[in-house]
Protein backbone atom coordinates (compact mmCIF):
# COMPACT_ATOMS: atom_id res chain seq x y z
CA UNK A 1 178.22 51.27 -68.49
CA UNK A 2 181.25 51.75 -68.52
CA UNK A 3 183.26 48.41 -67.80
CA UNK A 4 184.80 49.70 -64.47
CA UNK A 5 181.74 50.32 -62.83
CA UNK A 6 180.56 46.52 -63.80
CA UNK A 7 183.56 45.06 -61.70
CA UNK A 8 181.31 45.78 -58.77
CA UNK A 9 178.47 43.86 -59.98
CA UNK A 10 180.31 40.26 -59.08
CA UNK A 11 182.22 40.43 -55.42
CA UNK A 12 185.63 39.17 -56.77
CA UNK A 13 189.19 38.40 -55.15
CA UNK A 14 192.44 38.41 -56.89
CA UNK A 15 194.62 35.72 -56.48
CA UNK A 16 197.55 34.00 -58.02
CA UNK A 17 196.87 32.27 -61.63
CA UNK A 18 196.83 28.73 -61.70
CA UNK A 19 195.50 26.07 -64.46
CA UNK A 20 193.70 22.84 -63.88
CA UNK A 21 194.81 20.19 -65.88
CA UNK A 22 194.77 20.61 -69.15
CA UNK A 23 192.03 19.45 -72.25
CA UNK A 24 192.30 19.04 -75.37
CA UNK A 25 189.43 20.69 -77.63
CA UNK A 26 189.45 19.40 -81.31
CA UNK A 27 187.53 22.64 -82.25
CA UNK A 28 190.00 24.88 -84.57
CA UNK A 29 189.00 28.53 -86.03
CA UNK A 30 189.97 27.40 -89.83
CA UNK A 31 191.24 30.58 -90.80
CA UNK A 32 194.01 31.01 -88.37
CA UNK A 33 194.77 27.59 -87.73
CA UNK A 34 194.00 25.37 -91.25
CA UNK A 35 195.89 21.94 -91.63
CA UNK A 36 199.62 22.50 -92.40
CA UNK A 37 201.18 21.09 -95.61
CA UNK A 38 204.09 19.60 -95.50
CA UNK A 39 207.00 21.56 -95.66
CA UNK A 40 209.71 21.65 -97.88
CA UNK A 41 213.34 22.23 -97.31
CA UNK A 42 215.01 25.43 -98.24
CA UNK A 43 218.58 25.92 -98.41
CA UNK A 44 220.40 26.93 -95.20
CA UNK A 45 221.08 30.84 -94.83
CA UNK A 46 224.32 32.21 -94.93
CA UNK A 47 225.55 32.97 -91.13
CA UNK A 48 226.39 36.89 -89.91
CA UNK A 49 227.68 38.28 -87.23
CA UNK A 50 226.15 37.78 -83.89
CA UNK A 51 224.60 41.07 -82.74
CA UNK A 52 225.66 43.38 -80.03
CA UNK A 53 224.03 41.50 -76.87
CA UNK A 54 221.56 44.03 -75.76
CA UNK A 55 219.68 43.84 -72.09
CA UNK A 56 217.07 41.67 -71.99
CA UNK A 57 213.73 43.00 -71.80
CA UNK A 58 211.60 43.01 -68.08
CA UNK A 59 209.57 40.05 -67.85
CA UNK A 60 205.70 40.66 -68.10
CA UNK A 61 204.17 40.16 -64.81
CA UNK A 62 202.10 36.70 -64.33
CA UNK A 63 198.13 37.10 -64.98
CA UNK A 64 196.02 37.56 -62.45
CA UNK A 65 192.70 35.38 -62.08
CA UNK A 66 189.37 36.39 -60.94
CA UNK A 67 187.18 34.49 -59.09
CA UNK A 68 183.67 35.49 -58.75
CA UNK A 69 181.96 34.77 -55.61
CA UNK A 70 178.53 33.57 -55.88
CA UNK A 71 176.50 30.09 -56.08
CA UNK A 72 176.80 27.88 -59.69
CA UNK A 73 173.98 26.14 -60.21
CA UNK A 74 173.21 23.33 -62.90
CA UNK A 75 171.18 24.62 -65.93
CA UNK A 76 167.15 23.99 -65.47
CA UNK A 77 165.52 22.41 -67.81
CA UNK A 78 166.83 19.90 -70.89
CA UNK A 79 167.04 19.48 -74.37
CA UNK A 80 164.05 18.71 -76.31
CA UNK A 81 163.24 15.16 -78.68
CA UNK A 82 164.04 16.88 -81.94
CA UNK A 83 166.87 15.27 -84.30
CA UNK A 84 169.46 17.32 -86.05
CA UNK A 85 171.10 15.96 -88.94
CA UNK A 86 174.56 16.94 -87.91
CA UNK A 87 177.48 17.00 -90.45
CA UNK A 88 180.77 18.23 -89.23
CA UNK A 89 183.30 15.47 -90.08
CA UNK A 90 185.51 15.02 -91.51
CA UNK A 91 186.00 18.98 -91.22
CA UNK A 92 188.64 19.59 -93.61
CA UNK A 93 187.89 17.55 -96.88
CA UNK A 94 191.00 16.54 -98.90
CA UNK A 95 188.80 13.74 -100.61
CA UNK A 96 185.40 13.65 -101.87
CA UNK A 97 182.68 11.01 -100.98
CA UNK A 98 179.90 10.60 -98.16
CA UNK A 99 180.02 13.08 -95.31
CA UNK A 100 177.07 11.57 -93.34
CA UNK A 101 174.02 9.43 -94.93
CA UNK A 102 171.34 8.20 -92.53
CA UNK A 103 170.18 6.01 -96.00
CA UNK A 104 169.53 2.04 -95.58
CA UNK A 105 172.76 0.50 -96.48
CA UNK A 106 170.96 -2.17 -98.41
CA UNK A 107 172.20 -1.90 -102.60
CA UNK A 108 174.78 0.32 -101.44
CA UNK A 109 178.56 -0.44 -102.47
CA UNK A 110 179.92 0.72 -98.75
CA UNK A 111 177.16 -0.33 -96.35
CA UNK A 112 178.76 0.78 -93.15
CA UNK A 113 178.26 4.40 -94.47
CA UNK A 114 174.72 4.63 -94.26
CA UNK A 115 173.00 4.65 -90.95
CA UNK A 116 169.89 3.58 -91.42
CA UNK A 117 167.87 6.87 -89.92
CA UNK A 118 164.55 8.20 -91.31
CA UNK A 119 163.59 11.86 -90.13
CA UNK A 120 159.70 12.61 -89.98
CA UNK A 121 157.75 15.90 -88.41
CA UNK A 122 160.16 18.75 -87.24
CA UNK A 123 164.16 18.26 -87.69
CA UNK A 124 167.14 20.36 -87.96
CA UNK A 125 169.96 20.32 -90.35
CA UNK A 126 173.56 21.40 -89.34
CA UNK A 127 176.54 20.80 -92.07
CA UNK A 128 180.20 22.93 -91.51
CA UNK A 129 182.81 21.97 -93.72
CA UNK A 130 185.85 23.28 -95.23
CA UNK A 131 188.58 23.01 -97.83
CA UNK A 132 192.30 23.50 -97.97
CA UNK A 133 194.58 23.45 -101.08
CA UNK A 134 192.71 21.43 -103.29
CA UNK A 135 194.52 20.02 -106.31
CA UNK A 136 194.47 22.34 -109.08
CA UNK A 137 192.62 24.46 -106.82
CA UNK A 138 189.67 22.69 -107.83
CA UNK A 139 186.25 23.80 -106.44
CA UNK A 140 184.53 21.54 -103.45
CA UNK A 141 180.62 21.24 -103.48
CA UNK A 142 178.47 20.37 -100.90
CA UNK A 143 175.22 18.29 -101.96
CA UNK A 144 172.51 17.69 -99.37
CA UNK A 145 170.05 14.84 -100.90
CA UNK A 146 166.88 14.06 -99.58
CA UNK A 147 164.72 10.81 -100.24
CA UNK A 148 161.29 10.11 -99.74
CA UNK A 149 160.69 6.00 -99.74
CA UNK A 150 157.14 6.29 -99.68
CA UNK A 151 155.00 5.65 -102.12
CA UNK A 152 153.07 8.97 -101.92
CA UNK A 153 154.48 13.01 -102.52
CA UNK A 154 156.08 14.26 -99.60
CA UNK A 155 156.18 17.83 -98.72
CA UNK A 156 159.22 19.12 -96.79
CA UNK A 157 159.07 22.92 -95.51
CA UNK A 158 161.87 24.82 -94.90
CA UNK A 159 160.56 28.08 -92.49
CA UNK A 160 164.56 29.09 -92.43
CA UNK A 161 167.66 28.22 -93.51
CA UNK A 162 171.03 29.75 -94.17
CA UNK A 163 174.12 28.22 -95.92
CA UNK A 164 177.37 30.96 -95.92
CA UNK A 165 180.83 30.56 -97.18
CA UNK A 166 183.70 31.68 -95.63
CA UNK A 167 185.31 33.41 -98.46
CA UNK A 168 183.57 35.87 -99.47
CA UNK A 169 180.67 35.53 -97.34
CA UNK A 170 181.50 35.69 -93.82
CA UNK A 171 185.67 36.00 -93.33
CA UNK A 172 186.72 34.97 -89.55
CA UNK A 173 187.53 38.75 -87.82
CA UNK A 174 188.28 39.98 -84.85
CA UNK A 175 185.44 42.30 -83.55
CA UNK A 176 184.88 44.32 -80.48
CA UNK A 177 183.75 42.52 -77.43
CA UNK A 178 180.24 43.44 -77.69
CA UNK A 179 178.28 45.56 -80.29
CA UNK A 180 174.39 45.62 -80.88
CA UNK A 181 173.81 44.13 -84.31
CA UNK A 182 170.44 44.84 -85.30
CA UNK A 183 170.34 43.82 -89.06
CA UNK A 184 172.54 40.73 -88.91
CA UNK A 185 175.28 43.15 -90.65
CA UNK A 186 178.19 41.69 -87.84
CA UNK A 187 179.54 38.57 -87.97
CA UNK A 188 183.00 36.18 -87.61
CA UNK A 189 182.71 33.06 -89.58
CA UNK A 190 180.37 31.16 -91.69
CA UNK A 191 178.57 29.15 -89.08
CA UNK A 192 177.88 32.30 -86.90
CA UNK A 193 176.32 33.90 -89.81
CA UNK A 194 174.33 31.65 -90.61
CA UNK A 195 172.78 30.44 -86.99
CA UNK A 196 172.02 34.37 -86.40
CA UNK A 197 169.71 34.56 -89.91
CA UNK A 198 168.18 30.88 -88.45
CA UNK A 199 167.80 32.79 -85.31
CA UNK A 200 165.98 35.64 -87.29
CA UNK A 201 163.89 33.71 -89.05
CA UNK A 202 165.38 34.17 -92.86
CA UNK A 203 166.16 32.18 -95.48
CA UNK A 204 168.81 32.22 -98.03
CA UNK A 205 168.61 32.03 -101.72
CA UNK A 206 169.80 28.66 -101.62
CA UNK A 207 166.51 26.99 -100.18
CA UNK A 208 162.98 26.78 -101.41
CA UNK A 209 160.13 27.51 -98.77
CA UNK A 210 158.79 24.21 -99.66
CA UNK A 211 159.36 21.23 -101.81
CA UNK A 212 157.60 18.60 -102.48
CA UNK A 213 159.39 15.25 -103.48
CA UNK A 214 157.20 12.64 -105.58
CA UNK A 215 157.03 8.75 -104.54
CA UNK A 216 160.24 7.06 -104.18
CA UNK A 217 162.10 10.37 -105.37
CA UNK A 218 165.02 12.17 -104.73
CA UNK A 219 165.91 15.99 -104.09
CA UNK A 220 168.93 17.87 -104.12
CA UNK A 221 167.89 20.11 -101.05
CA UNK A 222 171.67 22.16 -101.46
CA UNK A 223 174.10 22.00 -104.27
CA UNK A 224 176.72 24.66 -102.98
CA UNK A 225 180.51 25.40 -104.14
CA UNK A 226 183.24 26.26 -101.67
CA UNK A 227 185.78 27.82 -104.42
CA UNK A 228 189.48 28.13 -103.27
CA UNK A 229 190.82 29.26 -107.02
CA UNK A 230 191.68 33.21 -106.60
CA UNK A 231 191.25 33.66 -102.80
CA UNK A 232 194.65 35.21 -101.30
CA UNK A 233 195.24 31.83 -99.35
CA UNK A 234 193.36 28.78 -101.11
CA UNK A 235 191.52 27.68 -97.45
CA UNK A 236 187.61 28.31 -97.72
CA UNK A 237 184.43 26.74 -96.16
CA UNK A 238 180.73 26.70 -95.63
CA UNK A 239 178.35 26.17 -92.96
CA UNK A 240 174.46 25.60 -93.60
CA UNK A 241 171.66 25.31 -90.90
CA UNK A 242 168.21 24.60 -91.72
CA UNK A 243 164.75 23.92 -89.60
CA UNK A 244 162.39 21.47 -91.47
CA UNK A 245 159.35 20.07 -91.20
CA UNK A 246 158.64 16.91 -93.48
CA UNK A 247 155.18 15.43 -93.99
CA UNK A 248 156.50 11.68 -94.16
CA UNK A 249 159.61 9.65 -93.48
CA UNK A 250 162.56 11.08 -95.46
CA UNK A 251 166.27 10.07 -95.65
CA UNK A 252 169.40 12.89 -95.84
CA UNK A 253 172.78 12.41 -96.83
CA UNK A 254 175.14 15.26 -97.07
CA UNK A 255 178.49 14.50 -99.54
CA UNK A 256 181.58 16.28 -101.23
CA UNK A 257 182.12 15.95 -104.39
CA UNK A 258 185.16 18.39 -106.75
CA UNK A 259 183.56 19.90 -109.39
CA UNK A 260 183.23 17.80 -112.62
CA UNK A 261 184.07 19.75 -115.36
CA UNK A 262 182.42 19.69 -119.16
CA UNK A 263 184.06 18.93 -122.37
CA UNK A 264 185.80 22.26 -123.06
CA UNK A 265 187.36 21.91 -119.20
CA UNK A 266 185.16 24.18 -117.15
CA UNK A 267 184.01 23.27 -113.68
CA UNK A 268 180.29 22.81 -113.59
CA UNK A 269 178.11 21.87 -110.75
CA UNK A 270 177.46 18.28 -110.08
CA UNK A 271 174.15 16.83 -111.06
CA UNK A 272 171.28 14.94 -109.22
CA UNK A 273 172.02 11.80 -110.88
CA UNK A 274 176.31 12.04 -110.19
CA UNK A 275 175.11 12.92 -106.13
CA UNK A 276 172.93 9.67 -106.19
CA UNK A 277 175.97 7.51 -108.03
CA UNK A 278 178.19 9.00 -105.15
CA UNK A 279 175.70 8.24 -102.38
CA UNK A 280 175.45 4.96 -103.95
CA UNK A 281 178.78 3.70 -105.09
CA UNK A 282 180.76 5.97 -102.77
CA UNK A 283 183.05 5.34 -99.59
CA UNK A 284 183.45 7.92 -96.76
CA UNK A 285 184.87 11.02 -97.46
CA UNK A 286 188.89 11.55 -96.50
CA UNK A 287 190.82 12.43 -94.61
CA UNK A 288 189.23 11.00 -91.21
CA UNK A 289 189.32 12.94 -88.21
CA UNK A 290 190.90 12.00 -85.08
CA UNK A 291 189.38 9.08 -83.24
CA UNK A 292 187.44 10.19 -79.87
CA UNK A 293 188.99 9.49 -76.35
CA UNK A 294 186.79 6.47 -74.91
CA UNK A 295 183.36 7.52 -72.81
CA UNK A 296 184.65 5.41 -69.79
CA UNK A 297 188.51 7.15 -70.14
CA UNK A 298 188.65 9.49 -67.12
CA UNK A 299 192.52 10.72 -67.19
CA UNK A 300 195.16 11.51 -69.70
CA UNK A 301 194.30 13.45 -72.89
CA UNK A 302 191.22 13.95 -74.13
CA UNK A 303 189.86 14.24 -77.90
CA UNK A 304 186.33 14.76 -78.42
CA UNK A 305 186.60 14.63 -82.20
CA UNK A 306 183.89 15.75 -84.47
CA UNK A 307 180.09 14.93 -84.82
CA UNK A 308 178.93 13.02 -87.99
CA UNK A 309 175.55 11.28 -86.90
CA UNK A 310 172.06 11.96 -85.67
CA UNK A 311 171.64 13.85 -82.32
CA UNK A 312 168.45 13.74 -80.10
CA UNK A 313 168.03 17.44 -78.77
CA UNK A 314 167.63 20.72 -80.90
CA UNK A 315 166.62 23.23 -77.90
CA UNK A 316 167.06 23.86 -74.43
CA UNK A 317 164.35 25.92 -72.89
CA UNK A 318 164.57 26.58 -68.84
CA UNK A 319 163.06 28.88 -66.61
CA UNK A 320 165.67 30.02 -64.23
CA UNK A 321 163.96 29.84 -60.56
CA UNK A 322 164.75 29.20 -57.26
CA UNK A 323 163.62 25.73 -55.89
CA UNK A 324 160.33 25.70 -55.63
CA UNK A 325 159.51 28.82 -56.68
CA UNK A 326 158.25 30.35 -60.06
CA UNK A 327 160.52 33.33 -59.62
CA UNK A 328 164.10 34.04 -59.70
CA UNK A 329 165.63 36.16 -55.94
CA UNK A 330 168.28 38.48 -57.11
CA UNK A 331 171.58 37.46 -55.20
CA UNK A 332 172.57 39.23 -52.13
CA UNK A 333 174.39 42.11 -52.72
CA UNK A 334 178.15 42.09 -54.63
CA UNK A 335 177.03 38.19 -55.05
CA UNK A 336 176.64 36.24 -58.30
CA UNK A 337 174.21 33.64 -59.61
CA UNK A 338 176.03 31.53 -62.52
CA UNK A 339 174.37 29.30 -64.54
CA UNK A 340 176.91 26.97 -67.14
CA UNK A 341 176.03 26.76 -70.70
CA UNK A 342 176.91 24.02 -73.34
CA UNK A 343 178.96 21.96 -70.55
CA UNK A 344 180.41 18.88 -71.79
CA UNK A 345 182.64 16.01 -70.17
CA UNK A 346 185.46 17.67 -68.43
CA UNK A 347 184.02 20.91 -68.98
CA UNK A 348 180.65 21.06 -66.23
CA UNK A 349 182.03 23.91 -64.05
CA UNK A 350 181.72 22.33 -60.81
CA UNK A 351 177.80 21.21 -61.75
CA UNK A 352 177.10 17.50 -62.22
CA UNK A 353 175.24 17.98 -65.50
CA UNK A 354 176.62 17.66 -69.34
CA UNK A 355 174.49 19.06 -71.66
CA UNK A 356 176.14 17.86 -74.59
CA UNK A 357 173.26 16.03 -76.64
CA UNK A 358 172.93 12.43 -77.18
CA UNK A 359 173.75 10.78 -80.71
CA UNK A 360 171.06 8.31 -81.81
CA UNK A 361 173.21 6.78 -84.97
CA UNK A 362 176.85 7.82 -85.52
CA UNK A 363 180.35 6.50 -87.52
CA UNK A 364 182.43 4.62 -85.10
CA UNK A 365 185.66 7.05 -85.72
CA UNK A 366 183.29 10.56 -84.81
CA UNK A 367 182.61 11.83 -81.66
CA UNK A 368 180.37 10.38 -79.22
CA UNK A 369 178.29 13.13 -78.28
CA UNK A 370 177.27 16.43 -79.67
CA UNK A 371 179.93 18.52 -77.46
CA UNK A 372 179.65 21.92 -78.18
CA UNK A 373 175.93 21.35 -79.37
CA UNK A 374 176.29 23.75 -82.36
CA UNK A 375 173.15 24.74 -83.73
CA UNK A 376 171.08 24.13 -80.36
CA UNK A 377 168.43 26.57 -79.48
CA UNK A 378 169.33 28.14 -75.79
CA UNK A 379 165.92 29.84 -74.53
CA UNK A 380 166.19 31.02 -70.76
CA UNK A 381 163.85 32.76 -69.68
CA UNK A 382 164.66 34.49 -65.94
CA UNK A 383 161.67 35.46 -64.19
CA UNK A 384 163.69 38.23 -61.76
CA UNK A 385 162.28 39.41 -58.22
CA UNK A 386 163.80 41.99 -55.95
CA UNK A 387 162.59 40.87 -52.09
CA UNK A 388 164.76 43.32 -50.56
CA UNK A 389 163.00 46.60 -49.13
CA UNK A 390 165.81 48.69 -51.26
CA UNK A 391 166.36 49.30 -54.77
CA UNK A 392 168.56 47.01 -56.67
CA UNK A 393 170.66 46.94 -59.34
CA UNK A 394 171.30 43.77 -61.24
CA UNK A 395 173.35 42.62 -64.45
CA UNK A 396 172.89 39.75 -66.95
CA UNK A 397 176.07 38.46 -68.32
CA UNK A 398 176.91 35.63 -70.88
CA UNK A 399 180.67 35.06 -70.44
CA UNK A 400 183.62 32.29 -71.08
CA UNK A 401 185.30 31.61 -67.85
CA UNK A 402 188.34 29.62 -67.85
CA UNK A 403 187.08 25.80 -68.65
CA UNK A 404 187.42 23.47 -65.56
CA UNK A 405 185.46 20.42 -64.81
CA UNK A 406 185.45 20.90 -60.72
CA UNK A 407 185.88 24.60 -59.91
CA UNK A 408 189.30 25.48 -57.95
CA UNK A 409 187.89 27.00 -55.01
CA UNK A 410 184.37 26.40 -55.82
CA UNK A 411 184.22 29.63 -57.53
CA UNK A 412 183.90 30.04 -61.23
CA UNK A 413 187.36 31.62 -62.46
CA UNK A 414 189.13 34.97 -65.21
CA UNK A 415 192.35 35.84 -65.87
CA UNK A 416 193.67 39.18 -66.59
CA UNK A 417 195.27 39.35 -69.62
CA UNK A 418 192.87 36.80 -71.20
CA UNK A 419 194.08 34.21 -73.53
CA UNK A 420 194.58 34.85 -77.07
CA UNK A 421 192.10 32.40 -79.17
CA UNK A 422 188.40 34.00 -79.51
CA UNK A 423 186.09 31.30 -77.71
CA UNK A 424 182.75 32.60 -78.33
CA UNK A 425 181.78 34.50 -81.43
CA UNK A 426 178.33 35.00 -82.13
CA UNK A 427 174.73 37.04 -81.75
CA UNK A 428 172.50 36.41 -79.13
CA UNK A 429 169.02 37.72 -78.63
CA UNK A 430 168.11 39.61 -75.31
CA UNK A 431 164.47 41.05 -74.52
CA UNK A 432 163.14 42.88 -71.45
CA UNK A 433 161.76 45.86 -69.73
CA UNK A 434 163.64 48.73 -69.62
CA UNK A 435 163.64 50.98 -66.10
CA UNK A 436 160.72 53.38 -67.76
CA UNK A 437 158.90 50.06 -68.63
CA UNK A 438 159.64 49.86 -72.60
CA UNK A 439 159.29 46.80 -73.90
CA UNK A 440 162.73 46.13 -75.62
CA UNK A 441 164.72 43.30 -77.76
CA UNK A 442 168.36 43.70 -78.90
CA UNK A 443 170.43 41.53 -81.14
CA UNK A 444 173.93 41.65 -79.66
CA UNK A 445 177.11 40.34 -81.46
CA UNK A 446 179.63 38.85 -78.82
CA UNK A 447 183.05 37.81 -79.44
CA UNK A 448 184.85 36.72 -76.31
CA UNK A 449 188.59 35.45 -75.53
CA UNK A 450 188.52 32.82 -73.13
CA UNK A 451 188.80 33.93 -69.44
CA UNK A 452 188.10 37.35 -70.56
CA UNK A 453 185.86 39.63 -68.20
CA UNK A 454 183.21 41.28 -70.29
CA UNK A 455 180.68 43.72 -69.85
CA UNK A 456 176.96 43.07 -69.24
CA UNK A 457 174.45 42.27 -71.89
CA UNK A 458 172.30 44.75 -70.11
CA UNK A 459 171.58 46.53 -66.30
CA UNK A 460 168.66 47.01 -64.65
CA UNK A 461 167.04 48.57 -61.53
CA UNK A 462 164.62 46.72 -59.71
CA UNK A 463 162.48 48.51 -57.23
CA UNK A 464 161.96 46.63 -53.97
CA UNK A 465 159.30 43.67 -54.73
CA UNK A 466 159.47 44.52 -58.19
CA UNK A 467 159.43 41.38 -60.61
CA UNK A 468 160.84 41.83 -63.97
CA UNK A 469 161.35 38.74 -66.72
CA UNK A 470 164.50 39.02 -68.85
CA UNK A 471 164.77 36.29 -71.99
CA UNK A 472 167.84 35.32 -73.54
CA UNK A 473 168.17 32.83 -76.67
CA UNK A 474 170.34 32.07 -79.06
CA UNK A 475 171.64 29.36 -81.31
CA UNK A 476 174.78 27.81 -79.85
CA UNK A 477 177.12 29.33 -82.82
CA UNK A 478 179.83 26.77 -84.94
CA UNK A 479 183.75 27.52 -83.86
CA UNK A 480 182.94 28.22 -80.41
CA UNK A 481 184.27 26.21 -77.77
CA UNK A 482 182.31 25.54 -74.87
CA UNK A 483 181.61 25.92 -71.94
CA UNK A 484 179.86 29.50 -71.54
CA UNK A 485 178.43 31.10 -68.11
CA UNK A 486 174.94 33.07 -67.65
CA UNK A 487 175.80 35.28 -64.59
CA UNK A 488 173.51 37.32 -63.11
CA UNK A 489 174.99 39.40 -60.32
CA UNK A 490 173.89 42.33 -57.93
CA UNK A 491 175.58 45.94 -57.39
CA UNK A 492 177.56 45.94 -54.35
CA UNK A 493 175.35 48.34 -51.76
CA UNK A 494 177.90 51.42 -51.34
CA UNK A 495 179.67 52.18 -48.32
CA UNK A 496 178.15 54.31 -45.90
């Protein structure tokens, strides 16, 4: 479908653009905005004659706002209770140490660095960290340590897992707004690539399918480098995501260490013994991220900060239906039904709902909630029904609107032109039956700027009284900025 045709799927009005009070989000694109080194002074330039004055260019017209006509509903369902080990602070590492430890504090040199939380059964793991211009361009290693405190062996199964470096595995780069991505070859960043692999049930070479940890034993789940030497810019990072199931209680820690050296001065990976020593004698990695704004502060600048803790909730499953019904009626002709995704404090898009996962344990200087829900699987089923007596064309769109808490005019808003920075980059999976009745599964990579109008994921034509389901699921990608919105739009009837 051409973009100009999509405009008719959601009744829109063009008005002057007016932004609400801005809110600071701590997410960054490390490829574009690494921490800036201290500047050095350079000699004053030689002055040259002023150029001949030229006519000033014509000012650019102000951006236009696009307000979507229709209803905005809170997302049905809720997060499950499956915990996630969430290691994302400090995002930028200059000094090695403990990133996140759920080990008991007893016997540790820095007791406050250990949060005393045991995992058992199903749980997920997310670790996302970067380094920039380390001393002598040393390679930074990320270690994930697992401990069995019991007197019996424990088995940990890993059905899906992935870990990628930014360079050379998955650099941040501009992509088209929408591309079919059947094999996972399209990505923009290491976190985006990692969660796409796990969505498809893949497991990269760093991870075994199953590990057995002996009684009182330790296992190095991951021992992965983040090199900067030899890169055009000394900036690199690694993002890792895994689904795990344990037959008994285990403790986890993510740790950062610059590469030890051999007697000949060559770098080598840290050993299990060296990781254990860091766990027992080390302190928190540095520098620390910005402290979050207290939850009871409702005005002024808002700093979400980065997450380092155990979040409760790994999947948000929802059936999008009308109240008291088992189906979802298509909106009226020319209208849009919108469901905000990954809402959070001061970004609820007119709903009373914050979807940010709560944290069972956290460090006091890190985020209060898992804002952004990185790695959370959204699994949304839409049992659509055309209750009219004529065929209806419906479009399903995932988009990134202007971020607001309370909606201006009660409407989801976009803008033209959109802002420059990409707020959503990642792959979603869409399953449906097409107009010929064929079952379709598509993986679609999206690359969206904030406020950008985007084409639908799919357009379907439903016959009178026809019911047809569509299902959208994805792992919310790291380095995405929330919120997004799922829009179900019915095409305007042609004029007669």
